[in-house]
């Protein structure tokens, strides 16, 4: 089963990534100013996944990606995929596993790795 992983960006904002059951990042969110807002974004996405749009696009270099759009706003963007089949499999995995996915908080891991 996939998981939402909360972490911090270099600028101090929070973000979440949705990872596959194998631990590979499928998509990343935009930045949030607080961890609570990030958690609310995860909850909103998981609860309203059926109302979201998956917009697919072709990136420069010929790779494929998708964006998750909710109420007209881009909520998250996928990593790039080499084929349309891999892109479709990723979309299907998000639709299937995101509503039941657990949330892991790694936003305070800077204390674990000093230096």
PDB file of N, CA and C in Angstrom:
ATOM      1  N   UNK A   1       0.846  -1.175   0.000  1.00  0.00           N
ATOM      2  CA  UNK A   1       0.000   0.000   0.000  1.00  0.00           C
ATOM      3  C   UNK A   1       0.892   1.238   0.000  1.00  0.00           C
ATOM      4  N   UNK A   2       0.469   2.263  -0.660  1.00  0.00           N
ATOM      5  CA  UNK A   2       1.217   3.509  -0.719  1.00  0.00           C
ATOM      6  C   UNK A   2       1.163   4.271   0.587  1.00  0.00           C
ATOM      7  N   UNK A   3       1.957   5.332   0.666  1.00  0.00           N
ATOM      8  CA  UNK A   3       1.998   6.162   1.869  1.00  0.00           C
ATOM      9  C   UNK A   3       2.226   7.612   1.484  1.00  0.00           C
ATOM     10  N   UNK A   4       1.678   8.498   2.294  1.00  0.00           N
ATOM     11  CA  UNK A   4       1.977   9.924   2.187  1.00  0.00           C
ATOM     12  C   UNK A   4       3.131  10.201   3.141  1.00  0.00           C
ATOM     13  N   UNK A   5       4.165  10.866   2.648  1.00  0.00           N
ATOM     14  CA  UNK A   5       5.333  11.171   3.464  1.00  0.00           C
ATOM     15  C   UNK A   5       5.472  12.690   3.548  1.00  0.00           C
ATOM     16  N   UNK A   6       5.400  13.209   4.773  1.00  0.00           N
ATOM     17  CA  UNK A   6       5.538  14.647   5.003  1.00  0.00           C
ATOM     18  C   UNK A   6       7.007  14.949   5.274  1.00  0.00           C
ATOM     19  N   UNK A   7       7.519  15.991   4.611  1.00  0.00           N
ATOM     20  CA  UNK A   7       8.897  16.432   4.834  1.00  0.00           C
ATOM     21  C   UNK A   7       8.946  17.944   4.668  1.00  0.00           C
ATOM     22  N   UNK A   8      10.115  18.515   4.921  1.00  0.00           N
ATOM     23  CA  UNK A   8      10.270  19.953   4.752  1.00  0.00           C
ATOM     24  C   UNK A   8      11.142  20.233   3.530  1.00  0.00           C
ATOM     25  N   UNK A   9      10.858  21.362   2.904  1.00  0.00           N
ATOM     26  CA  UNK A   9      11.653  21.817   1.774  1.00  0.00           C
ATOM     27  C   UNK A   9      12.805  22.674   2.310  1.00  0.00           C
ATOM     28  N   UNK A  10      13.743  23.027   1.480  1.00  0.00           N
ATOM     29  CA  UNK A  10      14.872  23.842   1.905  1.00  0.00           C
ATOM     30  C   UNK A  10      14.449  25.217   2.408  1.00  0.00           C
ATOM     31  N   UNK A  11      13.339  25.736   1.887  1.00  0.00           N
ATOM     32  CA  UNK A  11      12.870  27.052   2.305  1.00  0.00           C
ATOM     33  C   UNK A  11      12.022  27.005   3.578  1.00  0.00           C
ATOM     34  N   UNK A  12      11.875  25.818   4.188  1.00  0.00           N
ATOM     35  CA  UNK A  12      11.124  25.681   5.429  1.00  0.00           C
ATOM     36  C   UNK A  12       9.670  25.295   5.250  1.00  0.00           C
ATOM     37  N   UNK A  13       9.166  25.337   4.019  1.00  0.00           N
ATOM     38  CA  UNK A  13       7.788  24.912   3.765  1.00  0.00           C
ATOM     39  C   UNK A  13       7.681  23.397   3.911  1.00  0.00           C
ATOM     40  N   UNK A  14       6.470  22.945   4.144  1.00  0.00           N
ATOM     41  CA  UNK A  14       6.192  21.511   4.236  1.00  0.00           C
ATOM     42  C   UNK A  14       5.644  21.022   2.908  1.00  0.00           C
ATOM     43  N   UNK A  15       5.879  19.758   2.606  1.00  0.00           N
ATOM     44  CA  UNK A  15       5.327  19.143   1.403  1.00  0.00           C
ATOM     45  C   UNK A  15       5.017  17.692   1.730  1.00  0.00           C
ATOM     46  N   UNK A  16       4.189  17.086   0.877  1.00  0.00           N
ATOM     47  CA  UNK A  16       3.998  15.645   1.001  1.00  0.00           C
ATOM     48  C   UNK A  16       4.314  14.993  -0.330  1.00  0.00           C
ATOM     49  N   UNK A  17       4.748  13.769  -0.228  1.00  0.00           N
ATOM     50  CA  UNK A  17       4.974  12.936  -1.398  1.00  0.00           C
ATOM     51  C   UNK A  17       4.135  11.685  -1.221  1.00  0.00           C
ATOM     52  N   UNK A  18       3.601  11.195  -2.306  1.00  0.00           N
ATOM     53  CA  UNK A  18       2.896   9.921  -2.261  1.00  0.00           C
ATOM     54  C   UNK A  18       3.827   8.887  -2.851  1.00  0.00           C
ATOM     55  N   UNK A  19       4.114   7.845  -2.074  1.00  0.00           N
ATOM     56  CA  UNK A  19       5.032   6.805  -2.519  1.00  0.00           C
ATOM     57  C   UNK A  19       4.275   5.520  -2.798  1.00  0.00           C
ATOM     58  N   UNK A  20       4.802   4.745  -3.719  1.00  0.00           N
ATOM     59  CA  UNK A  20       4.199   3.453  -4.052  1.00  0.00           C
ATOM     60  C   UNK A  20       4.488   2.458  -2.933  1.00  0.00           C
ATOM     61  N   UNK A  21       3.907   1.285  -3.036  1.00  0.00           N
ATOM     62  CA  UNK A  21       4.147   0.252  -2.027  1.00  0.00           C
ATOM     63  C   UNK A  21       5.598  -0.207  -2.024  1.00  0.00           C
ATOM     64  N   UNK A  22       6.308   0.083  -3.108  1.00  0.00           N
ATOM     65  CA  UNK A  22       7.730  -0.253  -3.186  1.00  0.00           C
ATOM     66  C   UNK A  22       8.617   0.897  -2.707  1.00  0.00           C
ATOM     67  N   UNK A  23       8.006   2.007  -2.312  1.00  0.00           N
ATOM     68  CA  UNK A  23       8.759   3.139  -1.782  1.00  0.00           C
ATOM     69  C   UNK A  23       9.192   4.167  -2.798  1.00  0.00           C
ATOM     70  N   UNK A  24       8.770   4.034  -4.033  1.00  0.00           N
ATOM     71  CA  UNK A  24       9.148   4.985  -5.076  1.00  0.00           C
ATOM     72  C   UNK A  24       8.169   6.165  -5.086  1.00  0.00           C
ATOM     73  N   UNK A  25       8.700   7.367  -5.176  1.00  0.00           N
ATOM     74  CA  UNK A  25       7.857   8.571  -5.189  1.00  0.00           C
ATOM     75  C   UNK A  25       7.057   8.611  -6.484  1.00  0.00           C
ATOM     76  N   UNK A  26       5.732   8.762  -6.330  1.00  0.00           N
ATOM     77  CA  UNK A  26       4.857   8.883  -7.492  1.00  0.00           C
ATOM     78  C   UNK A  26       4.543  10.343  -7.752  1.00  0.00           C
ATOM     79  N   UNK A  27       4.236  11.096  -6.684  1.00  0.00           N
ATOM     80  CA  UNK A  27       3.903  12.504  -6.864  1.00  0.00           C
ATOM     81  C   UNK A  27       4.327  13.315  -5.661  1.00  0.00           C
ATOM     82  N   UNK A  28       4.458  14.619  -5.864  1.00  0.00           N
ATOM     83  CA  UNK A  28       4.838  15.564  -4.818  1.00  0.00           C
ATOM     84  C   UNK A  28       3.858  16.727  -4.814  1.00  0.00           C
ATOM     85  N   UNK A  29       3.598  17.233  -3.622  1.00  0.00           N
ATOM     86  CA  UNK A  29       2.667  18.355  -3.496  1.00  0.00           C
ATOM     87  C   UNK A  29       3.398  19.676  -3.675  1.00  0.00           C
ATOM     88  N   UNK A  30       2.616  20.720  -3.687  1.00  0.00           N
ATOM     89  CA  UNK A  30       3.158  22.067  -3.618  1.00  0.00           C
ATOM     90  C   UNK A  30       3.566  22.326  -2.174  1.00  0.00           C
ATOM     91  N   UNK A  31       4.162  23.465  -1.901  1.00  0.00           N
ATOM     92  CA  UNK A  31       4.589  23.788  -0.543  1.00  0.00           C
ATOM     93  C   UNK A  31       3.451  24.297   0.319  1.00  0.00           C
ATOM     94  N   UNK A  32       3.519  23.977   1.605  1.00  0.00           N
ATOM     95  CA  UNK A  32       2.565  24.453   2.603  1.00  0.00           C
ATOM     96  C   UNK A  32       3.338  25.183   3.694  1.00  0.00           C
ATOM     97  N   UNK A  33       2.766  26.254   4.246  1.00  0.00           N
ATOM     98  CA  UNK A  33       3.461  27.030   5.261  1.00  0.00           C
ATOM     99  C   UNK A  33       3.519  26.333   6.613  1.00  0.00           C
ATOM    100  N   UNK A  34       2.571  25.435   6.897  1.00  0.00           N
ATOM    101  CA  UNK A  34       2.565  24.732   8.182  1.00  0.00           C
ATOM    102  C   UNK A  34       2.326  23.247   7.976  1.00  0.00           C
ATOM    103  N   UNK A  35       2.727  22.474   8.982  1.00  0.00           N
ATOM    104  CA  UNK A  35       2.512  21.037   8.907  1.00  0.00           C
ATOM    105  C   UNK A  35       1.023  20.728   8.946  1.00  0.00           C
ATOM    106  N   UNK A  36       0.256  21.497   9.695  1.00  0.00           N
ATOM    107  CA  UNK A  36      -1.184  21.295   9.772  1.00  0.00           C
ATOM    108  C   UNK A  36      -1.842  21.493   8.416  1.00  0.00           C
ATOM    109  N   UNK A  37      -1.403  22.500   7.671  1.00  0.00           N
ATOM    110  CA  UNK A  37      -1.943  22.741   6.335  1.00  0.00           C
ATOM    111  C   UNK A  37      -1.571  21.593   5.397  1.00  0.00           C
ATOM    112  N   UNK A  38      -0.374  21.067   5.549  1.00  0.00           N
ATOM    113  CA  UNK A  38       0.065  19.928   4.739  1.00  0.00           C
ATOM    114  C   UNK A  38      -0.786  18.698   5.050  1.00  0.00           C
ATOM    115  N   UNK A  39      -1.021  18.438   6.334  1.00  0.00           N
ATOM    116  CA  UNK A  39      -1.863  17.313   6.730  1.00  0.00           C
ATOM    117  C   UNK A  39      -3.290  17.482   6.222  1.00  0.00           C
ATOM    118  N   UNK A  40      -3.788  18.720   6.245  1.00  0.00           N
ATOM    119  CA  UNK A  40      -5.127  18.992   5.724  1.00  0.00           C
ATOM    120  C   UNK A  40      -5.175  18.758   4.215  1.00  0.00           C
ATOM    121  N   UNK A  41      -4.094  19.090   3.504  1.00  0.00           N
ATOM    122  CA  UNK A  41      -4.020  18.833   2.070  1.00  0.00           C
ATOM    123  C   UNK A  41      -4.064  17.349   1.751  1.00  0.00           C
ATOM    124  N   UNK A  42      -3.384  16.549   2.572  1.00  0.00           N
ATOM    125  CA  UNK A  42      -3.416  15.100   2.402  1.00  0.00           C
ATOM    126  C   UNK A  42      -4.825  14.575   2.629  1.00  0.00           C
ATOM    127  N   UNK A  43      -5.453  15.018   3.717  1.00  0.00           N
ATOM    128  CA  UNK A  43      -6.807  14.563   4.046  1.00  0.00           C
ATOM    129  C   UNK A  43      -7.790  14.949   2.942  1.00  0.00           C
ATOM    130  N   UNK A  44      -7.692  16.165   2.452  1.00  0.00           N
ATOM    131  CA  UNK A  44      -8.587  16.627   1.390  1.00  0.00           C
ATOM    132  C   UNK A  44      -8.397  15.799   0.124  1.00  0.00           C
ATOM    133  N   UNK A  45      -7.158  15.554  -0.240  1.00  0.00           N
ATOM    134  CA  UNK A  45      -6.885  14.747  -1.433  1.00  0.00           C
ATOM    135  C   UNK A  45      -7.430  13.335  -1.271  1.00  0.00           C
ATOM    136  N   UNK A  46      -7.178  12.713  -0.134  1.00  0.00           N
ATOM    137  CA  UNK A  46      -7.639  11.343   0.091  1.00  0.00           C
ATOM    138  C   UNK A  46      -9.162  11.257   0.098  1.00  0.00           C
ATOM    139  N   UNK A  47      -9.832  12.247   0.696  1.00  0.00           N
ATOM    140  CA  UNK A  47     -11.289  12.221   0.792  1.00  0.00           C
ATOM    141  C   UNK A  47     -11.975  12.555  -0.521  1.00  0.00           C
ATOM    142  N   UNK A  48     -11.374  13.419  -1.311  1.00  0.00           N
ATOM    143  CA  UNK A  48     -12.029  13.891  -2.524  1.00  0.00           C
ATOM    144  C   UNK A  48     -11.345  13.406  -3.798  1.00  0.00           C
ATOM    145  N   UNK A  49     -10.673  12.270  -3.709  1.00  0.00           N
ATOM    146  CA  UNK A  49      -9.931  11.762  -4.860  1.00  0.00           C
ATOM    147  C   UNK A  49     -10.835  11.493  -6.056  1.00  0.00           C
ATOM    148  N   UNK A  50     -12.073  11.094  -5.808  1.00  0.00           N
ATOM    149  CA  UNK A  50     -12.984  10.819  -6.921  1.00  0.00           C
ATOM    150  C   UNK A  50     -13.401  12.086  -7.652  1.00  0.00           C
ATOM    151  N   UNK A  51     -13.332  13.241  -6.985  1.00  0.00           N
ATOM    152  CA  UNK A  51     -13.698  14.508  -7.627  1.00  0.00           C
ATOM    153  C   UNK A  51     -12.503  15.202  -8.272  1.00  0.00           C
ATOM    154  N   UNK A  52     -11.309  14.649  -8.107  1.00  0.00           N
ATOM    155  CA  UNK A  52     -10.127  15.295  -8.672  1.00  0.00           C
ATOM    156  C   UNK A  52      -9.958  14.929 -10.138  1.00  0.00           C
ATOM    157  N   UNK A  53      -9.234  15.770 -10.827  1.00  0.00           N
ATOM    158  CA  UNK A  53      -8.895  15.519 -12.219  1.00  0.00           C
ATOM    159  C   UNK A  53      -7.419  15.143 -12.299  1.00  0.00           C
ATOM    160  N   UNK A  54      -7.124  14.186 -13.139  1.00  0.00           N
ATOM    161  CA  UNK A  54      -5.750  13.822 -13.424  1.00  0.00           C
ATOM    162  C   UNK A  54      -5.441  14.372 -14.812  1.00  0.00           C
ATOM    163  N   UNK A  55      -4.666  15.454 -14.866  1.00  0.00           N
ATOM    164  CA  UNK A  55      -4.301  16.059 -16.141  1.00  0.00           C
ATOM    165  C   UNK A  55      -2.955  15.500 -16.575  1.00  0.00           C
ATOM    166  N   UNK A  56      -2.927  14.847 -17.715  1.00  0.00           N
ATOM    167  CA  UNK A  56      -1.680  14.291 -18.214  1.00  0.00           C
ATOM    168  C   UNK A  56      -1.032  15.263 -19.183  1.00  0.00           C
ATOM    169  N   UNK A  57       0.292  15.198 -19.244  1.00  0.00           N
ATOM    170  CA  UNK A  57       1.037  16.091 -20.123  1.00  0.00           C
ATOM    171  C   UNK A  57       2.313  15.396 -20.576  1.00  0.00           C
ATOM    172  N   UNK A  58       2.880  15.916 -21.628  1.00  0.00           N
ATOM    173  CA  UNK A  58       4.158  15.420 -22.118  1.00  0.00           C
ATOM    174  C   UNK A  58       5.204  16.488 -21.828  1.00  0.00           C
ATOM    175  N   UNK A  59       6.218  16.108 -21.084  1.00  0.00           N
ATOM    176  CA  UNK A  59       7.270  17.043 -20.694  1.00  0.00           C
ATOM    177  C   UNK A  59       8.307  17.168 -21.805  1.00  0.00           C
ATOM    178  N   UNK A  60       9.130  18.175 -21.684  1.00  0.00           N
ATOM    179  CA  UNK A  60      10.249  18.312 -22.608  1.00  0.00           C
ATOM    180  C   UNK A  60      11.118  17.066 -22.467  1.00  0.00           C
ATOM    181  N   UNK A  61      11.598  16.579 -23.554  1.00  0.00           N
ATOM    182  CA  UNK A  61      12.391  15.354 -23.514  1.00  0.00           C
ATOM    183  C   UNK A  61      11.566  14.113 -23.775  1.00  0.00           C
ATOM    184  N   UNK A  62      10.244  14.290 -23.992  1.00  0.00           N
ATOM    185  CA  UNK A  62       9.399  13.177 -24.371  1.00  0.00           C
ATOM    186  C   UNK A  62       8.833  12.338 -23.245  1.00  0.00           C
ATOM    187  N   UNK A  63       9.105  12.699 -21.985  1.00  0.00           N
ATOM    188  CA  UNK A  63       8.557  11.922 -20.877  1.00  0.00           C
ATOM    189  C   UNK A  63       7.156  12.413 -20.539  1.00  0.00           C
ATOM    190  N   UNK A  64       6.441  11.615 -19.745  1.00  0.00           N
ATOM    191  CA  UNK A  64       5.045  11.899 -19.415  1.00  0.00           C
ATOM    192  C   UNK A  64       4.904  12.181 -17.922  1.00  0.00           C
ATOM    193  N   UNK A  65       3.928  13.028 -17.577  1.00  0.00           N
ATOM    194  CA  UNK A  65       3.644  13.324 -16.178  1.00  0.00           C
ATOM    195  C   UNK A  65       2.171  13.635 -16.033  1.00  0.00           C
ATOM    196  N   UNK A  66       1.706  13.679 -14.786  1.00  0.00           N
ATOM    197  CA  UNK A  66       0.331  14.092 -14.537  1.00  0.00           C
ATOM    198  C   UNK A  66       0.286  15.052 -13.364  1.00  0.00           C
ATOM    199  N   UNK A  67      -0.761  15.845 -13.360  1.00  0.00           N
ATOM    200  CA  UNK A  67      -1.027  16.776 -12.258  1.00  0.00           C
ATOM    201  C   UNK A  67      -2.390  16.425 -11.682  1.00  0.00           C
ATOM    202  N   UNK A  68      -2.498  16.510 -10.365  1.00  0.00           N
ATOM    203  CA  UNK A  68      -3.788  16.299  -9.716  1.00  0.00           C
ATOM    204  C   UNK A  68      -4.391  17.671  -9.463  1.00  0.00           C
ATOM    205  N   UNK A  69      -5.592  17.891 -10.005  1.00  0.00           N
ATOM    206  CA  UNK A  69      -6.272  19.177  -9.917  1.00  0.00           C
ATOM    207  C   UNK A  69      -7.561  18.999  -9.124  1.00  0.00           C
ATOM    208  N   UNK A  70      -7.727  19.808  -8.097  1.00  0.00           N
ATOM    209  CA  UNK A  70      -8.919  19.783  -7.261  1.00  0.00           C
ATOM    210  C   UNK A  70      -9.481  21.192  -7.175  1.00  0.00           C
ATOM    211  N   UNK A  71     -10.714  21.356  -7.552  1.00  0.00           N
ATOM    212  CA  UNK A  71     -11.370  22.663  -7.560  1.00  0.00           C
ATOM    213  C   UNK A  71     -10.573  23.706  -8.349  1.00  0.00           C
ATOM    214  N   UNK A  72     -10.020  23.290  -9.475  1.00  0.00           N
ATOM    215  CA  UNK A  72      -9.302  24.211 -10.341  1.00  0.00           C
ATOM    216  C   UNK A  72      -7.870  24.506  -9.937  1.00  0.00           C
ATOM    217  N   UNK A  73      -7.391  23.948  -8.834  1.00  0.00           N
ATOM    218  CA  UNK A  73      -6.030  24.192  -8.364  1.00  0.00           C
ATOM    219  C   UNK A  73      -5.189  22.933  -8.462  1.00  0.00           C
ATOM    220  N   UNK A  74      -3.953  23.089  -8.899  1.00  0.00           N
ATOM    221  CA  UNK A  74      -3.028  21.959  -8.924  1.00  0.00           C
ATOM    222  C   UNK A  74      -2.621  21.652  -7.490  1.00  0.00           C
ATOM    223  N   UNK A  75      -2.860  20.420  -7.062  1.00  0.00           N
ATOM    224  CA  UNK A  75      -2.553  19.998  -5.700  1.00  0.00           C
ATOM    225  C   UNK A  75      -1.204  19.279  -5.653  1.00  0.00           C
ATOM    226  N   UNK A  76      -0.911  18.511  -6.699  1.00  0.00           N
ATOM    227  CA  UNK A  76       0.330  17.737  -6.729  1.00  0.00           C
ATOM    228  C   UNK A  76       0.726  17.457  -8.173  1.00  0.00           C
ATOM    229  N   UNK A  77       2.013  17.190  -8.368  1.00  0.00           N
ATOM    230  CA  UNK A  77       2.554  16.868  -9.679  1.00  0.00           C
ATOM    231  C   UNK A  77       3.354  15.577  -9.573  1.00  0.00           C
ATOM    232  N   UNK A  78       3.198  14.733 -10.564  1.00  0.00           N
ATOM    233  CA  UNK A  78       3.884  13.440 -10.547  1.00  0.00           C
ATOM    234  C   UNK A  78       5.343  13.583 -10.968  1.00  0.00           C
ATOM    235  N   UNK A  79       6.069  12.507 -10.740  1.00  0.00           N
ATOM    236  CA  UNK A  79       7.401  12.416 -11.327  1.00  0.00           C
ATOM    237  C   UNK A  79       7.212  12.148 -12.818  1.00  0.00           C
ATOM    238  N   UNK A  80       8.278  12.085 -13.567  1.00  0.00           N
ATOM    239  CA  UNK A  80       8.186  11.834 -15.006  1.00  0.00           C
ATOM    240  C   UNK A  80       8.295  10.343 -15.286  1.00  0.00           C
ATOM    241  N   UNK A  81       7.541   9.886 -16.275  1.00  0.00           N
ATOM    242  CA  UNK A  81       7.503   8.483 -16.671  1.00  0.00           C
ATOM    243  C   UNK A  81       7.942   8.357 -18.119  1.00  0.00           C
ATOM    244  N   UNK A  82       8.579   7.245 -18.440  1.00  0.00           N
ATOM    245  CA  UNK A  82       9.119   7.059 -19.786  1.00  0.00           C
ATOM    246  C   UNK A  82       8.061   6.647 -20.798  1.00  0.00           C
ATOM    247  N   UNK A  83       6.965   6.008 -20.335  1.00  0.00           N
ATOM    248  CA  UNK A  83       5.916   5.580 -21.266  1.00  0.00           C
ATOM    249  C   UNK A  83       4.544   5.968 -20.732  1.00  0.00           C
ATOM    250  N   UNK A  84       3.575   6.007 -21.637  1.00  0.00           N
ATOM    251  CA  UNK A  84       2.206   6.300 -21.235  1.00  0.00           C
ATOM    252  C   UNK A  84       1.629   5.175 -20.379  1.00  0.00           C
ATOM    253  N   UNK A  85       2.072   3.947 -20.605  1.00  0.00           N
ATOM    254  CA  UNK A  85       1.601   2.822 -19.796  1.00  0.00           C
ATOM    255  C   UNK A  85       2.032   2.964 -18.337  1.00  0.00           C
ATOM    256  N   UNK A  86       3.281   3.348 -18.105  1.00  0.00           N
ATOM    257  CA  UNK A  86       3.754   3.571 -16.732  1.00  0.00           C
ATOM    258  C   UNK A  86       3.007   4.742 -16.091  1.00  0.00           C
ATOM    259  N   UNK A  87       2.727   5.772 -16.871  1.00  0.00           N
ATOM    260  CA  UNK A  87       1.951   6.910 -16.383  1.00  0.00           C
ATOM    261  C   UNK A  87       0.563   6.454 -15.941  1.00  0.00           C
ATOM    262  N   UNK A  88      -0.094   5.652 -16.764  1.00  0.00           N
ATOM    263  CA  UNK A  88      -1.441   5.174 -16.433  1.00  0.00           C
ATOM    264  C   UNK A  88      -1.421   4.277 -15.204  1.00  0.00           C
ATOM    265  N   UNK A  89      -0.406   3.436 -15.083  1.00  0.00           N
ATOM    266  CA  UNK A  89      -0.290   2.582 -13.900  1.00  0.00           C
ATOM    267  C   UNK A  89      -0.134   3.414 -12.635  1.00  0.00           C
ATOM    268  N   UNK A  90       0.634   4.495 -12.712  1.00  0.00           N
ATOM    269  CA  UNK A  90       0.816   5.377 -11.557  1.00  0.00           C
ATOM    270  C   UNK A  90      -0.497   6.063 -11.181  1.00  0.00           C
ATOM    271  N   UNK A  91      -1.226   6.552 -12.163  1.00  0.00           N
ATOM    272  CA  UNK A  91      -2.538   7.170 -11.895  1.00  0.00           C
ATOM    273  C   UNK A  91      -3.469   6.163 -11.232  1.00  0.00           C
ATOM    274  N   UNK A  92      -3.487   4.938 -11.745  1.00  0.00           N
ATOM    275  CA  UNK A  92      -4.344   3.899 -11.179  1.00  0.00           C
ATOM    276  C   UNK A  92      -3.947   3.573  -9.739  1.00  0.00           C
ATOM    277  N   UNK A  93      -2.642   3.534  -9.476  1.00  0.00           N
ATOM    278  CA  UNK A  93      -2.197   3.238  -8.110  1.00  0.00           C
ATOM    279  C   UNK A  93      -2.596   4.339  -7.138  1.00  0.00           C
ATOM    280  N   UNK A  94      -2.495   5.595  -7.565  1.00  0.00           N
ATOM    281  CA  UNK A  94      -2.917   6.700  -6.704  1.00  0.00           C
ATOM    282  C   UNK A  94      -4.411   6.593  -6.425  1.00  0.00           C
ATOM    283  N   UNK A  95      -5.207   6.375  -7.459  1.00  0.00           N
ATOM    284  CA  UNK A  95      -6.665   6.268  -7.277  1.00  0.00           C
ATOM    285  C   UNK A  95      -7.034   5.120  -6.337  1.00  0.00           C
ATOM    286  N   UNK A  96      -6.318   4.013  -6.455  1.00  0.00           N
ATOM    287  CA  UNK A  96      -6.650   2.819  -5.691  1.00  0.00           C
ATOM    288  C   UNK A  96      -6.162   2.880  -4.243  1.00  0.00           C
ATOM    289  N   UNK A  97      -4.950   3.351  -4.019  1.00  0.00           N
ATOM    290  CA  UNK A  97      -4.350   3.229  -2.690  1.00  0.00           C
ATOM    291  C   UNK A  97      -4.328   4.507  -1.856  1.00  0.00           C
ATOM    292  N   UNK A  98      -4.416   5.678  -2.452  1.00  0.00           N
ATOM    293  CA  UNK A  98      -4.319   6.930  -1.688  1.00  0.00           C
ATOM    294  C   UNK A  98      -5.399   7.088  -0.627  1.00  0.00           C
ATOM    295  N   UNK A  99      -6.659   6.719  -0.890  1.00  0.00           N
ATOM    296  CA  UNK A  99      -7.671   6.912   0.156  1.00  0.00           C
ATOM    297  C   UNK A  99      -7.401   6.107   1.435  1.00  0.00           C
ATOM    298  N   UNK A 100      -6.645   5.030   1.344  1.00  0.00           N
ATOM    299  CA  UNK A 100      -6.372   4.177   2.505  1.00  0.00           C
ATOM    300  C   UNK A 100      -4.935   4.284   2.990  1.00  0.00           C
ATOM    301  N   UNK A 101      -4.140   5.133   2.369  1.00  0.00           N
ATOM    302  CA  UNK A 101      -2.711   5.215   2.674  1.00  0.00           C
ATOM    303  C   UNK A 101      -2.461   5.832   4.050  1.00  0.00           C
ATOM    304  N   UNK A 102      -1.395   5.376   4.685  1.00  0.00           N
ATOM    305  CA  UNK A 102      -0.994   5.953   5.959  1.00  0.00           C
ATOM    306  C   UNK A 102      -0.153   7.194   5.695  1.00  0.00           C
ATOM    307  N   UNK A 103      -0.018   8.031   6.720  1.00  0.00           N
ATOM    308  CA  UNK A 103       0.791   9.237   6.626  1.00  0.00           C
ATOM    309  C   UNK A 103       1.999   9.091   7.537  1.00  0.00           C
ATOM    310  N   UNK A 104       3.172   9.306   6.972  1.00  0.00           N
ATOM    311  CA  UNK A 104       4.420   9.246   7.724  1.00  0.00           C
ATOM    312  C   UNK A 104       5.003  10.650   7.798  1.00  0.00           C
ATOM    313  N   UNK A 105       5.418  11.062   8.988  1.00  0.00           N
ATOM    314  CA  UNK A 105       5.929  12.417   9.189  1.00  0.00           C
ATOM    315  C   UNK A 105       7.440  12.379   9.385  1.00  0.00           C
ATOM    316  N   UNK A 106       8.172  12.841   8.387  1.00  0.00           N
ATOM    317  CA  UNK A 106       9.619  12.943   8.474  1.00  0.00           C
ATOM    318  C   UNK A 106      10.060  14.401   8.439  1.00  0.00           C
ATOM    319  N   UNK A 107       9.196  15.298   8.875  1.00  0.00           N
ATOM    320  CA  UNK A 107       9.510  16.725   8.799  1.00  0.00           C
ATOM    321  C   UNK A 107      10.524  17.160   9.842  1.00  0.00           C
ATOM    322  N   UNK A 108      10.756  16.374  10.873  1.00  0.00           N
ATOM    323  CA  UNK A 108      11.726  16.738  11.910  1.00  0.00           C
ATOM    324  C   UNK A 108      12.972  15.870  11.879  1.00  0.00           C
ATOM    325  N   UNK A 109      13.287  15.274  10.757  1.00  0.00           N
ATOM    326  CA  UNK A 109      14.435  14.369  10.688  1.00  0.00           C
ATOM    327  C   UNK A 109      15.764  15.083  10.671  1.00  0.00           C
ATOM    328  N   UNK A 110      15.779  16.411  10.572  1.00  0.00           N
ATOM    329  CA  UNK A 110      17.054  17.122  10.569  1.00  0.00           C
ATOM    330  C   UNK A 110      17.808  16.909  11.878  1.00  0.00           C
ATOM    331  N   UNK A 111      17.083  16.598  12.943  1.00  0.00           N
ATOM    332  CA  UNK A 111      17.728  16.324  14.214  1.00  0.00           C
ATOM    333  C   UNK A 111      18.434  14.969  14.209  1.00  0.00           C
ATOM    334  N   UNK A 112      18.014  14.077  13.346  1.00  0.00           N
ATOM    335  CA  UNK A 112      18.610  12.752  13.280  1.00  0.00           C
ATOM    336  C   UNK A 112      19.931  12.745  12.529  1.00  0.00           C
ATOM    337  N   UNK A 113      20.098  13.684  11.628  1.00  0.00           N
ATOM    338  CA  UNK A 113      21.284  13.727  10.785  1.00  0.00           C
ATOM    339  C   UNK A 113      21.983  15.070  10.943  1.00  0.00           C
ATOM    340  N   UNK A 114      22.701  15.278  12.027  1.00  0.00           N
ATOM    341  CA  UNK A 114      23.351  16.580  12.224  1.00  0.00           C
ATOM    342  C   UNK A 114      24.487  16.792  11.224  1.00  0.00           C
ATOM    343  N   UNK A 115      24.759  18.032  11.014  1.00  0.00           N
ATOM    344  CA  UNK A 115      25.931  18.282  10.194  1.00  0.00           C
ATOM    345  C   UNK A 115      25.663  19.132   9.067  1.00  0.00           C
TER     346      UNK A 115
END
